[in-house]
Each structure stands twice: as structure tokens, then as C-alpha cells.
């Protein structure tokens, strides 16, 4: 049995980026936030390659992968847009 203080927690991050170039937002999920932002800013993703650079606006850490993805889906919904604009950015 692993001692409690030796347990490794896998974290999943829901994040919101803002394009400096076109003033639009991008929402995503990752298990490595620094790497993912660098990937977006280096143009490694088709969806974000033309609109970078990006600035991190907001993020939230989850210990449950499924909950992180469900929250990302919510933020991409119409009520999630309203919540994001009123409470997160």
C-alpha cells in the first residue's frame, strides 16, 4: 500500500486562452497546461495555428478526467458562454 503522502495525483486542466491577434477565446482540456499553451503558441494545432499568439486567461484543475471534459463541454455551450463571460473572464 502506498502511503498517503506519496500518492501521485493526476491533474486535468480546463483552460481558456485568448488570442492576442484576433481577440477570440479558445477553451480546452489538458493534463499538462504549460506544454499545451506552448503547443498552441507554436502553431501545432490546425484550429489555433492561424490566430496565435495566445494568452492564458483562466484555468481550473480537476482530479477527475471525466469531470474536466464535462466542464469543458459545458463552457462551450450557450449557457457556458454566458457563465464564462460573467464569471471567468
Protein backbone atom coordinates (compact mmCIF):
# COMPACT_ATOMS: atom_id res chain seq x y z
CA UNK A 1 0.00 0.00 0.00
CA UNK A 2 1.25 3.48 -0.92
CA UNK A 3 1.44 5.96 1.96
CA UNK A 4 -1.00 8.88 1.63
CA UNK A 5 1.76 11.47 1.31
CA UNK A 6 3.29 9.50 -1.61
CA UNK A 7 0.15 9.37 -3.78
CA UNK A 8 0.59 10.99 -7.19
CA UNK A 9 -2.45 12.97 -8.25
CA UNK A 10 -3.12 13.21 -11.96
CA UNK A 11 -4.49 16.65 -12.70
CA UNK A 12 -6.59 17.73 -15.68
CA UNK A 13 -6.87 21.39 -16.54
CA UNK A 14 -9.76 23.13 -18.25
CA UNK A 15 -8.36 26.34 -19.66
CA UNK A 16 -9.39 29.45 -21.55
CA UNK A 17 -6.95 31.14 -23.88
CA UNK A 18 -7.41 34.49 -25.57
CA UNK A 19 -5.94 35.19 -28.98
CA UNK A 20 -3.87 38.36 -28.88
CA UNK A 21 -4.20 38.60 -32.67
CA UNK A 22 -7.97 38.35 -33.18
CA UNK A 23 -9.39 38.86 -29.66
CA UNK A 24 -11.20 35.46 -29.59
CA UNK A 25 -11.31 32.76 -26.92
CA UNK A 26 -10.35 29.09 -27.06
CA UNK A 27 -11.37 26.54 -24.40
CA UNK A 28 -9.67 23.18 -23.96
CA UNK A 29 -8.57 20.39 -21.60
CA UNK A 30 -5.08 19.04 -20.95
CA UNK A 31 -3.05 17.15 -18.39
CA UNK A 32 -0.04 19.47 -18.92
CA UNK A 33 -1.01 23.13 -19.07
CA UNK A 34 2.42 24.65 -19.79
CA UNK A 35 3.09 22.22 -22.63
CA UNK A 36 -0.36 22.76 -24.14
CA UNK A 37 -0.06 26.56 -24.17
CA UNK A 38 3.35 26.25 -25.82
CA UNK A 39 1.84 23.91 -28.43
CA UNK A 40 -0.93 26.39 -29.19
CA UNK A 41 1.54 29.27 -29.47
CA UNK A 42 3.90 27.30 -31.72
CA UNK A 43 1.10 26.57 -34.22
CA UNK A 44 0.89 22.80 -33.68
CA UNK A 45 -2.92 22.71 -33.86
CA UNK A 46 -4.91 23.46 -37.01
CA UNK A 47 -7.70 25.25 -35.16
CA UNK A 48 -5.40 27.68 -33.35
CA UNK A 49 -2.36 27.89 -35.63
CA UNK A 50 -3.59 30.90 -37.61
CA UNK A 51 -4.78 33.01 -34.68
CA UNK A 52 -1.92 32.91 -32.16
CA UNK A 53 -0.23 34.01 -30.02
CA UNK A 54 -2.42 33.12 -27.06
CA UNK A 55 -2.55 34.37 -23.50
CA UNK A 56 -3.85 32.20 -20.65
CA UNK A 57 -6.94 33.90 -19.23
CA UNK A 58 -8.28 31.28 -16.81
CA UNK A 59 -7.81 27.65 -15.75
CA UNK A 60 -9.21 25.17 -13.26
CA UNK A 61 -7.65 21.90 -12.08
CA UNK A 62 -9.61 18.66 -11.74
CA UNK A 63 -8.50 15.31 -10.31
CA UNK A 64 -11.18 13.54 -12.36
CA UNK A 65 -10.68 13.42 -16.15
CA UNK A 66 -14.37 12.85 -16.91
CA UNK A 67 -15.44 15.88 -14.86
CA UNK A 68 -12.85 18.05 -16.61
CA UNK A 69 -14.15 17.06 -20.05
CA UNK A 70 -17.76 17.57 -18.97
CA UNK A 71 -16.92 21.07 -17.70
CA UNK A 72 -15.17 21.88 -20.98
CA UNK A 73 -18.29 20.79 -22.89
CA UNK A 74 -20.42 22.97 -20.61
CA UNK A 75 -18.17 26.01 -21.19
CA UNK A 76 -18.61 25.51 -24.95
CA UNK A 77 -22.42 25.51 -24.64
CA UNK A 78 -24.55 28.65 -24.89
CA UNK A 79 -25.15 28.80 -21.13
CA UNK A 80 -21.45 28.06 -20.60
CA UNK A 81 -20.53 31.07 -22.79
CA UNK A 82 -22.72 33.27 -20.60
CA UNK A 83 -21.16 31.83 -17.42
CA UNK A 84 -17.64 32.28 -18.83
CA UNK A 85 -18.27 35.88 -19.80
CA UNK A 86 -19.92 36.81 -16.49
CA UNK A 87 -17.79 34.86 -14.01
CA UNK A 88 -14.45 33.75 -15.50
CA UNK A 89 -13.10 36.42 -17.83
